[in-house]
PDB file of N, CA and C in Angstrom:
ATOM      1  N   MET A   1      26.162  34.136  -6.134  1.00  0.00           N
ATOM      2  CA  MET A   1      25.072  33.114  -6.824  1.00  0.00           C
ATOM      3  C   MET A   1      24.269  34.221  -7.705  1.00  0.00           C
ATOM      4  N   GLN A   2      24.662  33.769  -9.086  1.00  0.00           N
ATOM      5  CA  GLN A   2      23.487  34.429 -10.161  1.00  0.00           C
ATOM      6  C   GLN A   2      21.973  34.345 -10.217  1.00  0.00           C
ATOM      7  N   LYS A   3      21.493  35.212 -10.406  1.00  0.00           N
ATOM      8  CA  LYS A   3      20.187  34.997  -9.965  1.00  0.00           C
ATOM      9  C   LYS A   3      19.624  34.974 -11.578  1.00  0.00           C
ATOM     10  N   ASN A   4      18.497  33.643 -11.825  1.00  0.00           N
ATOM     11  CA  ASN A   4      17.442  33.882 -12.793  1.00  0.00           C
ATOM     12  C   ASN A   4      16.045  33.914 -12.906  1.00  0.00           C
ATOM     13  N   LEU A   5      15.761  34.817 -13.493  1.00  0.00           N
ATOM     14  CA  LEU A   5      14.881  36.097 -13.003  1.00  0.00           C
ATOM     15  C   LEU A   5      13.618  35.572 -13.948  1.00  0.00           C
ATOM     16  N   THR A   6      12.530  35.050 -13.935  1.00  0.00           N
ATOM     17  CA  THR A   6      11.254  35.280 -14.057  1.00  0.00           C
ATOM     18  C   THR A   6       9.996  35.924 -13.392  1.00  0.00           C
ATOM     19  N   ASP A   7       9.164  36.100 -14.725  1.00  0.00           N
ATOM     20  CA  ASP A   7       7.809  36.864 -14.138  1.00  0.00           C
ATOM     21  C   ASP A   7       7.444  36.475 -13.055  1.00  0.00           C
ATOM     22  N   ALA A   8       6.715  35.221 -12.960  1.00  0.00           N
ATOM     23  CA  ALA A   8       5.804  34.940 -12.016  1.00  0.00           C
ATOM     24  C   ALA A   8       5.896  33.886 -11.356  1.00  0.00           C
ATOM     25  N   LEU A   9       4.977  33.832  -9.888  1.00  0.00           N
ATOM     26  CA  LEU A   9       5.052  32.742  -9.496  1.00  0.00           C
ATOM     27  C   LEU A   9       3.572  32.081  -9.078  1.00  0.00           C
ATOM     28  N   ILE A  10       3.249  31.021  -9.930  1.00  0.00           N
ATOM     29  CA  ILE A  10       2.223  30.195  -9.171  1.00  0.00           C
ATOM     30  C   ILE A  10       1.657  29.492  -8.795  1.00  0.00           C
ATOM     31  N   VAL A  11       0.540  29.240  -7.684  1.00  0.00           N
ATOM     32  CA  VAL A  11       0.532  28.702  -6.365  1.00  0.00           C
ATOM     33  C   VAL A  11      -1.026  27.608  -6.762  1.00  0.00           C
ATOM     34  N   HIS A  12      -1.072  26.600  -6.811  1.00  0.00           N
ATOM     35  CA  HIS A  12      -2.286  25.707  -6.809  1.00  0.00           C
ATOM     36  C   HIS A  12      -2.359  24.699  -6.269  1.00  0.00           C
ATOM     37  N   CYS A  13      -3.150  23.987  -6.234  1.00  0.00           N
ATOM     38  CA  CYS A  13      -3.312  22.531  -5.156  1.00  0.00           C
ATOM     39  C   CYS A  13      -2.395  21.252  -5.995  1.00  0.00           C
ATOM     40  N   ILE A  14      -1.908  20.343  -5.237  1.00  0.00           N
ATOM     41  CA  ILE A  14      -1.799  19.023  -5.833  1.00  0.00           C
ATOM     42  C   ILE A  14      -2.201  18.100  -6.395  1.00  0.00           C
ATOM     43  N   ASP A  15      -3.857  18.506  -6.641  1.00  0.00           N
ATOM     44  CA  ASP A  15      -4.980  17.694  -6.902  1.00  0.00           C
ATOM     45  C   ASP A  15      -4.532  17.119  -8.335  1.00  0.00           C
ATOM     46  N   PHE A  16      -4.106  15.702  -8.672  1.00  0.00           N
ATOM     47  CA  PHE A  16      -3.995  14.891  -9.627  1.00  0.00           C
ATOM     48  C   PHE A  16      -4.967  15.699 -11.140  1.00  0.00           C
ATOM     49  N   ARG A  17      -6.281  15.993 -10.475  1.00  0.00           N
ATOM     50  CA  ARG A  17      -7.295  16.166 -11.412  1.00  0.00           C
ATOM     51  C   ARG A  17      -7.254  17.454 -12.595  1.00  0.00           C
ATOM     52  N   LEU A  18      -6.526  18.387 -11.687  1.00  0.00           N
ATOM     53  CA  LEU A  18      -6.020  19.824 -12.238  1.00  0.00           C
ATOM     54  C   LEU A  18      -4.859  20.039 -13.143  1.00  0.00           C
ATOM     55  N   GLN A  19      -4.129  18.900 -13.500  1.00  0.00           N
ATOM     56  CA  GLN A  19      -2.932  18.835 -13.785  1.00  0.00           C
ATOM     57  C   GLN A  19      -3.230  19.301 -15.324  1.00  0.00           C
ATOM     58  N   ALA A  20      -3.775  18.875 -16.182  1.00  0.00           N
ATOM     59  CA  ALA A  20      -3.649  18.934 -17.263  1.00  0.00           C
ATOM     60  C   ALA A  20      -4.154  20.304 -18.192  1.00  0.00           C
ATOM     61  N   HIS A  21      -5.438  20.690 -16.871  1.00  0.00           N
ATOM     62  CA  HIS A  21      -6.084  21.844 -17.585  1.00  0.00           C
ATOM     63  C   HIS A  21      -5.082  23.095 -17.141  1.00  0.00           C
ATOM     64  N   LEU A  22      -4.055  23.124 -15.958  1.00  0.00           N
ATOM     65  CA  LEU A  22      -3.307  23.813 -15.284  1.00  0.00           C
ATOM     66  C   LEU A  22      -2.502  23.944 -16.170  1.00  0.00           C
ATOM     67  N   ASN A  23      -1.643  22.776 -16.775  1.00  0.00           N
ATOM     68  CA  ASN A  23      -0.615  22.776 -17.451  1.00  0.00           C
ATOM     69  C   ASN A  23      -0.724  23.783 -19.159  1.00  0.00           C
ATOM     70  N   ARG A  24      -1.873  23.425 -19.458  1.00  0.00           N
ATOM     71  CA  ARG A  24      -2.491  23.932 -20.611  1.00  0.00           C
ATOM     72  C   ARG A  24      -2.669  25.298 -20.300  1.00  0.00           C
ATOM     73  N   TRP A  25      -3.473  25.955 -19.329  1.00  0.00           N
ATOM     74  CA  TRP A  25      -3.216  27.020 -19.004  1.00  0.00           C
ATOM     75  C   TRP A  25      -2.219  27.913 -18.584  1.00  0.00           C
ATOM     76  N   LEU A  26      -1.600  27.317 -18.034  1.00  0.00           N
ATOM     77  CA  LEU A  26      -0.111  28.123 -17.608  1.00  0.00           C
ATOM     78  C   LEU A  26       1.014  27.867 -19.351  1.00  0.00           C
ATOM     79  N   ASP A  27       0.865  27.210 -20.042  1.00  0.00           N
ATOM     80  CA  ASP A  27       1.507  27.141 -21.543  1.00  0.00           C
ATOM     81  C   ASP A  27       0.806  28.813 -21.974  1.00  0.00           C
ATOM     82  N   GLU A  28      -0.264  28.742 -22.236  1.00  0.00           N
ATOM     83  CA  GLU A  28      -1.359  29.842 -23.000  1.00  0.00           C
ATOM     84  C   GLU A  28      -1.158  30.991 -21.971  1.00  0.00           C
ATOM     85  N   ASN A  29      -0.847  30.862 -21.058  1.00  0.00           N
ATOM     86  CA  ASN A  29      -0.827  32.160 -20.299  1.00  0.00           C
ATOM     87  C   ASN A  29       0.611  33.064 -19.848  1.00  0.00           C
ATOM     88  N   LEU A  30       1.025  32.228 -19.469  1.00  0.00           N
ATOM     89  CA  LEU A  30       2.420  32.729 -18.936  1.00  0.00           C
ATOM     90  C   LEU A  30       3.723  32.019 -19.862  1.00  0.00           C
ATOM     91  N   GLY A  31       3.589  31.144 -20.666  1.00  0.00           N
ATOM     92  CA  GLY A  31       4.768  30.897 -21.918  1.00  0.00           C
ATOM     93  C   GLY A  31       5.095  29.172 -21.071  1.00  0.00           C
ATOM     94  N   LYS A  32       5.789  28.653 -21.963  1.00  0.00           N
ATOM     95  CA  LYS A  32       6.584  27.452 -21.216  1.00  0.00           C
ATOM     96  C   LYS A  32       7.439  27.736 -20.287  1.00  0.00           C
ATOM     97  N   GLY A  33       7.977  27.811 -19.434  1.00  0.00           N
ATOM     98  CA  GLY A  33       8.247  27.431 -18.583  1.00  0.00           C
ATOM     99  C   GLY A  33       8.839  28.798 -17.625  1.00  0.00           C
ATOM    100  N   ASN A  34       8.520  29.644 -17.899  1.00  0.00           N
ATOM    101  CA  ASN A  34       8.497  31.200 -17.709  1.00  0.00           C
ATOM    102  C   ASN A  34       7.929  31.828 -16.231  1.00  0.00           C
ATOM    103  N   PHE A  35       8.459  30.489 -15.414  1.00  0.00           N
ATOM    104  CA  PHE A  35       7.403  30.772 -14.267  1.00  0.00           C
ATOM    105  C   PHE A  35       7.598  30.174 -12.859  1.00  0.00           C
ATOM    106  N   ASP A  36       8.063  30.243 -12.039  1.00  0.00           N
ATOM    107  CA  ASP A  36       7.845  29.482 -10.602  1.00  0.00           C
ATOM    108  C   ASP A  36       6.584  28.780 -10.744  1.00  0.00           C
ATOM    109  N   ARG A  37       6.752  27.432  -9.817  1.00  0.00           N
ATOM    110  CA  ARG A  37       5.395  26.700  -9.636  1.00  0.00           C
ATOM    111  C   ARG A  37       5.408  26.095  -7.916  1.00  0.00           C
ATOM    112  N   VAL A  38       4.220  26.752  -7.499  1.00  0.00           N
ATOM    113  CA  VAL A  38       4.268  25.800  -6.189  1.00  0.00           C
ATOM    114  C   VAL A  38       2.998  24.823  -5.658  1.00  0.00           C
ATOM    115  N   SER A  39       3.027  23.618  -5.702  1.00  0.00           N
ATOM    116  CA  SER A  39       1.604  22.912  -5.916  1.00  0.00           C
ATOM    117  C   SER A  39       1.839  22.771  -4.062  1.00  0.00           C
ATOM    118  N   LEU A  40       0.844  22.843  -3.763  1.00  0.00           N
ATOM    119  CA  LEU A  40       0.305  22.709  -2.348  1.00  0.00           C
ATOM    120  C   LEU A  40      -1.007  22.103  -1.762  1.00  0.00           C
ATOM    121  N   ALA A  41      -1.035  21.232  -1.271  1.00  0.00           N
ATOM    122  CA  ALA A  41      -2.774  20.987  -0.706  1.00  0.00           C
ATOM    123  C   ALA A  41      -3.216  22.037  -0.609  1.00  0.00           C
ATOM    124  N   GLY A  42      -4.459  22.290  -1.430  1.00  0.00           N
ATOM    125  CA  GLY A  42      -5.405  23.222  -0.739  1.00  0.00           C
ATOM    126  C   GLY A  42      -4.792  24.777  -1.270  1.00  0.00           C
ATOM    127  N   GLY A  43      -3.721  24.766  -2.142  1.00  0.00           N
ATOM    128  CA  GLY A  43      -3.965  26.210  -2.901  1.00  0.00           C
ATOM    129  C   GLY A  43      -3.323  27.083  -1.375  1.00  0.00           C
ATOM    130  N   VAL A  44      -4.004  28.199  -1.308  1.00  0.00           N
ATOM    131  CA  VAL A  44      -4.233  28.870  -0.475  1.00  0.00           C
ATOM    132  C   VAL A  44      -4.285  28.881   0.700  1.00  0.00           C
ATOM    133  N   PHE A  45      -4.637  27.425   1.046  1.00  0.00           N
ATOM    134  CA  PHE A  45      -5.211  27.197   2.178  1.00  0.00           C
ATOM    135  C   PHE A  45      -4.316  27.350   3.581  1.00  0.00           C
ATOM    136  N   ASP A  46      -3.098  26.727   3.134  1.00  0.00           N
ATOM    137  CA  ASP A  46      -2.151  27.156   4.149  1.00  0.00           C
ATOM    138  C   ASP A  46      -1.269  28.350   4.177  1.00  0.00           C
ATOM    139  N   PHE A  47      -1.639  29.375   4.234  1.00  0.00           N
ATOM    140  CA  PHE A  47      -1.144  30.726   3.423  1.00  0.00           C
ATOM    141  C   PHE A  47       0.132  31.033   4.435  1.00  0.00           C
ATOM    142  N   GLU A  48       0.432  30.396   5.476  1.00  0.00           N
ATOM    143  CA  GLU A  48       1.827  30.886   5.597  1.00  0.00           C
ATOM    144  C   GLU A  48       3.089  30.276   5.277  1.00  0.00           C
ATOM    145  N   THR A  49       2.829  28.896   4.626  1.00  0.00           N
ATOM    146  CA  THR A  49       3.585  28.395   3.582  1.00  0.00           C
ATOM    147  C   THR A  49       3.835  29.077   2.334  1.00  0.00           C
ATOM    148  N   VAL A  50       3.037  29.384   1.932  1.00  0.00           N
ATOM    149  CA  VAL A  50       2.611  30.159   0.523  1.00  0.00           C
ATOM    150  C   VAL A  50       3.744  31.299   0.863  1.00  0.00           C
ATOM    151  N   LEU A  51       3.578  32.170   2.055  1.00  0.00           N
ATOM    152  CA  LEU A  51       4.209  33.132   1.918  1.00  0.00           C
ATOM    153  C   LEU A  51       4.983  32.943   2.126  1.00  0.00           C
ATOM    154  N   ARG A  52       6.167  31.698   2.771  1.00  0.00           N
ATOM    155  CA  ARG A  52       7.549  31.633   2.305  1.00  0.00           C
ATOM    156  C   ARG A  52       8.201  31.460   0.600  1.00  0.00           C
ATOM    157  N   GLN A  53       7.754  30.808   0.295  1.00  0.00           N
ATOM    158  CA  GLN A  53       7.671  30.257  -1.568  1.00  0.00           C
ATOM    159  C   GLN A  53       7.386  31.849  -2.079  1.00  0.00           C
ATOM    160  N   VAL A  54       6.634  32.821  -1.484  1.00  0.00           N
ATOM    161  CA  VAL A  54       6.329  33.954  -2.214  1.00  0.00           C
ATOM    162  C   VAL A  54       7.774  34.689  -1.839  1.00  0.00           C
ATOM    163  N   GLU A  55       8.007  34.706  -0.986  1.00  0.00           N
ATOM    164  CA  GLU A  55       9.411  35.680  -0.707  1.00  0.00           C
ATOM    165  C   GLU A  55      10.425  35.203  -1.392  1.00  0.00           C
ATOM    166  N   ILE A  56      10.921  33.914  -1.380  1.00  0.00           N
ATOM    167  CA  ILE A  56      11.468  32.600  -2.255  1.00  0.00           C
ATOM    168  C   ILE A  56      11.974  33.678  -3.289  1.00  0.00           C
ATOM    169  N   ALA A  57      10.789  33.171  -4.080  1.00  0.00           N
ATOM    170  CA  ALA A  57      10.595  33.550  -5.514  1.00  0.00           C
ATOM    171  C   ALA A  57      10.893  35.083  -5.748  1.00  0.00           C
ATOM    172  N   GLU A  58      10.281  35.943  -4.967  1.00  0.00           N
ATOM    173  CA  GLU A  58      10.920  37.248  -4.957  1.00  0.00           C
ATOM    174  C   GLU A  58      12.282  37.813  -4.928  1.00  0.00           C
ATOM    175  N   ARG A  59      12.862  37.203  -3.975  1.00  0.00           N
ATOM    176  CA  ARG A  59      14.258  37.361  -3.731  1.00  0.00           C
ATOM    177  C   ARG A  59      15.143  36.959  -4.548  1.00  0.00           C
ATOM    178  N   LEU A  60      15.080  35.471  -4.825  1.00  0.00           N
ATOM    179  CA  LEU A  60      15.612  34.957  -6.005  1.00  0.00           C
ATOM    180  C   LEU A  60      15.782  35.217  -7.599  1.00  0.00           C
ATOM    181  N   HIS A  61      14.247  35.013  -7.871  1.00  0.00           N
ATOM    182  CA  HIS A  61      13.868  35.426  -9.347  1.00  0.00           C
ATOM    183  C   HIS A  61      13.272  36.856  -9.606  1.00  0.00           C
ATOM    184  N   GLU A  62      12.761  37.526  -8.631  1.00  0.00           N
ATOM    185  CA  GLU A  62      12.434  38.789  -8.735  1.00  0.00           C
ATOM    186  C   GLU A  62      11.571  38.926  -9.788  1.00  0.00           C
ATOM    187  N   ILE A  63      10.296  38.118  -9.313  1.00  0.00           N
ATOM    188  CA  ILE A  63       9.219  37.275  -9.992  1.00  0.00           C
ATOM    189  C   ILE A  63       8.154  39.434  -9.605  1.00  0.00           C
ATOM    190  N   LYS A  64       7.272  39.902 -10.455  1.00  0.00           N
ATOM    191  CA  LYS A  64       6.350  40.626 -10.655  1.00  0.00           C
ATOM    192  C   LYS A  64       4.873  40.649 -10.315  1.00  0.00           C
ATOM    193  N   LYS A  65       4.731  39.262 -10.197  1.00  0.00           N
ATOM    194  CA  LYS A  65       3.480  38.653 -10.678  1.00  0.00           C
ATOM    195  C   LYS A  65       3.735  36.965  -9.471  1.00  0.00           C
ATOM    196  N   VAL A  66       2.080  37.365  -9.167  1.00  0.00           N
ATOM    197  CA  VAL A  66       2.041  35.888  -8.243  1.00  0.00           C
ATOM    198  C   VAL A  66       0.655  35.630  -8.888  1.00  0.00           C
ATOM    199  N   VAL A  67       0.490  34.318  -9.231  1.00  0.00           N
ATOM    200  CA  VAL A  67      -1.073  33.672  -9.737  1.00  0.00           C
ATOM    201  C   VAL A  67      -1.544  32.414  -8.590  1.00  0.00           C
ATOM    202  N   PHE A  68      -2.757  32.798  -7.982  1.00  0.00           N
ATOM    203  CA  PHE A  68      -3.304  32.318  -7.017  1.00  0.00           C
ATOM    204  C   PHE A  68      -4.475  30.844  -7.686  1.00  0.00           C
ATOM    205  N   VAL A  69      -4.270  29.635  -7.433  1.00  0.00           N
ATOM    206  CA  VAL A  69      -5.316  28.988  -7.976  1.00  0.00           C
ATOM    207  C   VAL A  69      -6.113  28.044  -7.416  1.00  0.00           C
ATOM    208  N   ASN A  70      -7.136  28.200  -6.492  1.00  0.00           N
ATOM    209  CA  ASN A  70      -7.876  27.438  -5.738  1.00  0.00           C
ATOM    210  C   ASN A  70      -8.842  26.744  -6.662  1.00  0.00           C
ATOM    211  N   HIS A  71      -9.576  25.697  -6.050  1.00  0.00           N
ATOM    212  CA  HIS A  71     -10.435  24.443  -7.050  1.00  0.00           C
ATOM    213  C   HIS A  71     -11.432  23.791  -6.250  1.00  0.00           C
ATOM    214  N   GLU A  72     -12.523  23.903  -7.188  1.00  0.00           N
ATOM    215  CA  GLU A  72     -13.786  22.793  -6.380  1.00  0.00           C
ATOM    216  C   GLU A  72     -13.858  22.007  -6.792  1.00  0.00           C
ATOM    217  N   ASP A  73     -14.335  21.096  -5.400  1.00  0.00           N
ATOM    218  CA  ASP A  73     -13.951  19.953  -4.735  1.00  0.00           C
ATOM    219  C   ASP A  73     -12.667  19.932  -4.030  1.00  0.00           C
ATOM    220  N   CYS A  74     -12.036  20.781  -3.363  1.00  0.00           N
ATOM    221  CA  CYS A  74     -10.864  20.449  -3.060  1.00  0.00           C
ATOM    222  C   CYS A  74     -10.751  19.205  -1.453  1.00  0.00           C
ATOM    223  N   GLY A  75     -10.301  18.779  -1.521  1.00  0.00           N
ATOM    224  CA  GLY A  75     -10.139  17.705  -0.329  1.00  0.00           C
ATOM    225  C   GLY A  75      -9.725  18.340   1.038  1.00  0.00           C
ATOM    226  N   ALA A  76      -8.834  19.233   0.285  1.00  0.00           N
ATOM    227  CA  ALA A  76      -7.843  20.212   1.732  1.00  0.00           C
ATOM    228  C   ALA A  76      -8.911  20.914   2.379  1.00  0.00           C
ATOM    229  N   TYR A  77      -9.967  21.160   1.948  1.00  0.00           N
ATOM    230  CA  TYR A  77     -11.108  22.328   2.331  1.00  0.00           C
ATOM    231  C   TYR A  77     -12.210  21.534   3.039  1.00  0.00           C
ATOM    232  N   GLY A  78     -11.975  20.045   2.104  1.00  0.00           N
ATOM    233  CA  GLY A  78     -13.680  19.309   3.005  1.00  0.00           C
ATOM    234  C   GLY A  78     -14.569  20.000   2.668  1.00  0.00           C
ATOM    235  N   GLU A  79     -15.756  20.059   3.410  1.00  0.00           N
ATOM    236  CA  GLU A  79     -17.090  20.052   3.619  1.00  0.00           C
ATOM    237  C   GLU A  79     -17.209  21.832   3.282  1.00  0.00           C
ATOM    238  N   ALA A  80     -16.249  21.956   3.558  1.00  0.00           N
ATOM    239  CA  ALA A  80     -16.343  23.766   3.848  1.00  0.00           C
ATOM    240  C   ALA A  80     -15.975  24.838   2.533  1.00  0.00           C
ATOM    241  N   GLY A  81     -15.504  23.109   1.730  1.00  0.00           N
ATOM    242  CA  GLY A  81     -14.796  24.106   0.368  1.00  0.00           C
ATOM    243  C   GLY A  81     -15.775  24.677  -0.777  1.00  0.00           C
ATOM    244  N   ASN A  82     -16.503  25.640   0.134  1.00  0.00           N
ATOM    245  CA  ASN A  82     -17.485  25.990  -1.379  1.00  0.00           C
ATOM    246  C   ASN A  82     -16.462  27.381  -2.117  1.00  0.00           C
ATOM    247  N   ARG A  83     -17.354  27.918  -3.543  1.00  0.00           N
ATOM    248  CA  ARG A  83     -16.682  28.791  -4.040  1.00  0.00           C
ATOM    249  C   ARG A  83     -16.504  30.298  -3.245  1.00  0.00           C
ATOM    250  N   GLU A  84     -17.586  30.075  -2.498  1.00  0.00           N
ATOM    251  CA  GLU A  84     -17.172  31.166  -1.774  1.00  0.00           C
ATOM    252  C   GLU A  84     -16.052  31.463  -0.658  1.00  0.00           C
ATOM    253  N   ARG A  85     -16.180  30.305  -0.339  1.00  0.00           N
ATOM    254  CA  ARG A  85     -14.902  29.957   1.084  1.00  0.00           C
ATOM    255  C   ARG A  85     -13.409  30.378   0.201  1.00  0.00           C
ATOM    256  N   HIS A  86     -13.455  29.735  -1.114  1.00  0.00           N
ATOM    257  CA  HIS A  86     -12.565  29.946  -1.883  1.00  0.00           C
ATOM    258  C   HIS A  86     -12.326  31.367  -2.165  1.00  0.00           C
ATOM    259  N   ALA A  87     -13.355  31.877  -2.841  1.00  0.00           N
ATOM    260  CA  ALA A  87     -12.840  32.942  -2.972  1.00  0.00           C
ATOM    261  C   ALA A  87     -12.843  33.920  -1.975  1.00  0.00           C
ATOM    262  N   LYS A  88     -13.129  33.473  -1.275  1.00  0.00           N
ATOM    263  CA  LYS A  88     -12.712  34.170   0.131  1.00  0.00           C
ATOM    264  C   LYS A  88     -11.408  34.410   0.802  1.00  0.00           C
ATOM    265  N   ASP A  89     -10.643  33.135   0.853  1.00  0.00           N
ATOM    266  CA  ASP A  89      -9.489  33.011   0.837  1.00  0.00           C
ATOM    267  C   ASP A  89      -8.127  33.286  -0.405  1.00  0.00           C
ATOM    268  N   LEU A  90      -8.573  33.259  -1.348  1.00  0.00           N
ATOM    269  CA  LEU A  90      -8.083  34.012  -2.480  1.00  0.00           C
ATOM    270  C   LEU A  90      -7.832  35.352  -2.363  1.00  0.00           C
ATOM    271  N   ARG A  91      -8.902  35.990  -1.807  1.00  0.00           N
ATOM    272  CA  ARG A  91      -9.154  37.797  -1.283  1.00  0.00           C
ATOM    273  C   ARG A  91      -8.353  37.891  -0.244  1.00  0.00           C
ATOM    274  N   ALA A  92      -8.296  37.196   0.697  1.00  0.00           N
ATOM    275  CA  ALA A  92      -7.711  37.471   1.634  1.00  0.00           C
ATOM    276  C   ALA A  92      -6.307  37.799   1.912  1.00  0.00           C
ATOM    277  N   ALA A  93      -5.827  36.382   0.621  1.00  0.00           N
ATOM    278  CA  ALA A  93      -4.484  36.121   0.372  1.00  0.00           C
ATOM    279  C   ALA A  93      -3.927  37.221  -0.329  1.00  0.00           C
ATOM    280  N   ARG A  94      -4.482  37.773  -1.214  1.00  0.00           N
ATOM    281  CA  ARG A  94      -4.262  38.932  -2.112  1.00  0.00           C
ATOM    282  C   ARG A  94      -3.610  40.194  -1.361  1.00  0.00           C
ATOM    283  N   GLU A  95      -4.825  40.526  -0.160  1.00  0.00           N
ATOM    284  CA  GLU A  95      -4.859  41.710   0.712  1.00  0.00           C
ATOM    285  C   GLU A  95      -3.548  41.369   1.253  1.00  0.00           C
ATOM    286  N   GLU A  96      -3.454  40.524   1.564  1.00  0.00           N
ATOM    287  CA  GLU A  96      -2.053  40.175   2.627  1.00  0.00           C
ATOM    288  C   GLU A  96      -1.276  40.390   1.819  1.00  0.00           C
ATOM    289  N   LEU A  97      -0.657  39.484   0.590  1.00  0.00           N
ATOM    290  CA  LEU A  97       0.324  40.103  -0.168  1.00  0.00           C
ATOM    291  C   LEU A  97       0.708  41.410  -0.171  1.00  0.00           C
ATOM    292  N   ALA A  98      -0.500  41.820  -0.646  1.00  0.00           N
ATOM    293  CA  ALA A  98       0.116  43.477  -1.134  1.00  0.00           C
ATOM    294  C   ALA A  98       0.276  44.309   0.043  1.00  0.00           C
ATOM    295  N   GLU A  99       0.009  43.963   1.148  1.00  0.00           N
ATOM    296  CA  GLU A  99       0.640  44.384   2.373  1.00  0.00           C
ATOM    297  C   GLU A  99       1.970  44.330   2.638  1.00  0.00           C
ATOM    298  N   LEU A 100       2.604  43.457   2.201  1.00  0.00           N
ATOM    299  CA  LEU A 100       3.678  43.164   2.304  1.00  0.00           C
ATOM    300  C   LEU A 100       4.970  42.729   0.885  1.00  0.00           C
ATOM    301  N   TYR A 101       4.171  43.056  -0.216  1.00  0.00           N
ATOM    302  CA  TYR A 101       5.043  42.864  -1.599  1.00  0.00           C
ATOM    303  C   TYR A 101       3.964  44.130  -2.174  1.00  0.00           C
ATOM    304  N   PRO A 102       4.118  45.584  -2.209  1.00  0.00           N
ATOM    305  CA  PRO A 102       3.005  45.942  -3.020  1.00  0.00           C
ATOM    306  C   PRO A 102       3.362  46.369  -4.460  1.00  0.00           C
ATOM    307  N   SER A 103       4.530  46.040  -4.982  1.00  0.00           N
ATOM    308  CA  SER A 103       5.237  46.153  -6.302  1.00  0.00           C
ATOM    309  C   SER A 103       4.450  44.720  -7.328  1.00  0.00           C
ATOM    310  N   LEU A 104       4.412  43.877  -6.337  1.00  0.00           N
ATOM    311  CA  LEU A 104       3.470  42.579  -6.734  1.00  0.00           C
ATOM    312  C   LEU A 104       1.918  42.588  -7.415  1.00  0.00           C
ATOM    313  N   SER A 105       2.034  42.258  -8.351  1.00  0.00           N
ATOM    314  CA  SER A 105       0.347  42.202  -8.999  1.00  0.00           C
ATOM    315  C   SER A 105      -0.191  40.879  -8.772  1.00  0.00           C
ATOM    316  N   VAL A 106      -1.703  40.662  -8.540  1.00  0.00           N
ATOM    317  CA  VAL A 106      -1.439  39.573  -8.048  1.00  0.00           C
ATOM    318  C   VAL A 106      -3.169  39.077  -8.445  1.00  0.00           C
ATOM    319  N   ALA A 107      -3.557  38.067  -9.542  1.00  0.00           N
ATOM    320  CA  ALA A 107      -4.586  37.512 -10.117  1.00  0.00           C
ATOM    321  C   ALA A 107      -5.094  35.962  -9.314  1.00  0.00           C
ATOM    322  N   LEU A 108      -6.544  36.331  -9.198  1.00  0.00           N
ATOM    323  CA  LEU A 108      -6.775  34.757  -8.213  1.00  0.00           C
ATOM    324  C   LEU A 108      -7.910  34.335  -9.756  1.00  0.00           C
ATOM    325  N   PHE A 109      -7.678  32.564  -9.146  1.00  0.00           N
ATOM    326  CA  PHE A 109      -8.698  31.904 -10.007  1.00  0.00           C
ATOM    327  C   PHE A 109      -9.127  30.956  -9.520  1.00  0.00           C
ATOM    328  N   TYR A 110     -10.328  30.400  -9.945  1.00  0.00           N
ATOM    329  CA  TYR A 110     -11.252  29.460  -9.276  1.00  0.00           C
ATOM    330  C   TYR A 110     -11.175  28.145 -10.444  1.00  0.00           C
ATOM    331  N   LEU A 111     -10.825  27.094  -9.954  1.00  0.00           N
ATOM    332  CA  LEU A 111     -10.747  26.237 -11.063  1.00  0.00           C
ATOM    333  C   LEU A 111     -11.445  25.273 -10.707  1.00  0.00           C
ATOM    334  N   LYS A 112     -12.582  25.211 -12.031  1.00  0.00           N
ATOM    335  CA  LYS A 112     -13.382  23.951 -12.066  1.00  0.00           C
ATOM    336  C   LYS A 112     -13.327  22.740 -12.533  1.00  0.00           C
ATOM    337  N   LEU A 113     -13.585  21.354 -12.059  1.00  0.00           N
ATOM    338  CA  LEU A 113     -13.004  20.328 -12.412  1.00  0.00           C
ATOM    339  C   LEU A 113     -12.666  19.836 -13.802  1.00  0.00           C
ATOM    340  N   ASN A 114     -14.037  21.018 -14.838  1.00  0.00           N
ATOM    341  CA  ASN A 114     -14.118  20.748 -15.952  1.00  0.00           C
ATOM    342  C   ASN A 114     -13.432  21.707 -16.794  1.00  0.00           C
ATOM    343  N   GLY A 115     -12.342  22.028 -16.143  1.00  0.00           N
ATOM    344  CA  GLY A 115     -11.235  23.026 -16.930  1.00  0.00           C
ATOM    345  C   GLY A 115     -11.275  24.518 -17.084  1.00  0.00           C
ATOM    346  N   ASP A 116     -12.360  24.907 -16.596  1.00  0.00           N
ATOM    347  CA  ASP A 116     -12.931  26.100 -16.491  1.00  0.00           C
ATOM    348  C   ASP A 116     -12.177  27.331 -15.244  1.00  0.00           C
ATOM    349  N   PHE A 117     -11.597  28.127 -15.882  1.00  0.00           N
ATOM    350  CA  PHE A 117     -10.913  28.996 -15.139  1.00  0.00           C
ATOM    351  C   PHE A 117     -12.112  30.354 -14.835  1.00  0.00           C
ATOM    352  N   GLU A 118     -12.171  30.729 -13.797  1.00  0.00           N
ATOM    353  CA  GLU A 118     -12.541  31.559 -13.242  1.00  0.00           C
ATOM    354  C   GLU A 118     -12.460  32.767 -12.303  1.00  0.00           C
ATOM    355  N   ARG A 119     -11.429  33.919 -12.758  1.00  0.00           N
ATOM    356  CA  ARG A 119     -10.796  34.728 -12.265  1.00  0.00           C
ATOM    357  C   ARG A 119     -12.233  35.439 -10.921  1.00  0.00           C
ATOM    358  N   VAL A 120     -11.341  35.326 -10.242  1.00  0.00           N
ATOM    359  CA  VAL A 120     -11.973  36.327  -8.919  1.00  0.00           C
ATOM    360  C   VAL A 120     -11.982  37.090  -8.235  1.00  0.00           C
ATOM    361  N   SER A 121     -12.690  38.057  -8.192  1.00  0.00           N
ATOM    362  CA  SER A 121     -12.067  39.859  -7.953  1.00  0.00           C
ATOM    363  C   SER A 121     -12.245  40.244  -6.978  1.00  0.00           C
TER     364      SER A 121
END
C-alpha cells in the first residue's frame, strides 16, 4: 500500500456549533486538506479512542503534529466541563502522547463558542 503523507492530525468534538469556526481555523493554520481529522464527542474525553486514531495516522500518514481542541459548553463533559477541566485533560493527553510518540509535536486549544481559540500551555 502506498503511503499518503500529511503533516498533522486534529482531534475535536463533534458539536455542530464548532464546525464553521474549526473549518476557518484549519484552513488558516494547517492548509486546505493537509491534515487528518478526527471528530469525537468530547474531543480528548475518551483518550483511548483518540490514541488509536493517533497510532493509525502516525503509521499510515507519518504525521508530525497533533492538535487537540476541546471546547466551551461541551455536552460530553456535562457539568464538569469547565475550562480548567478541559485544560487538565488536554495537558494529560499531551503528556501521555509525549511518552508514546516523543517525536510528535502537540498543540492544545480551548475553543469558545464565539470562535475564539485559546492556546492551552
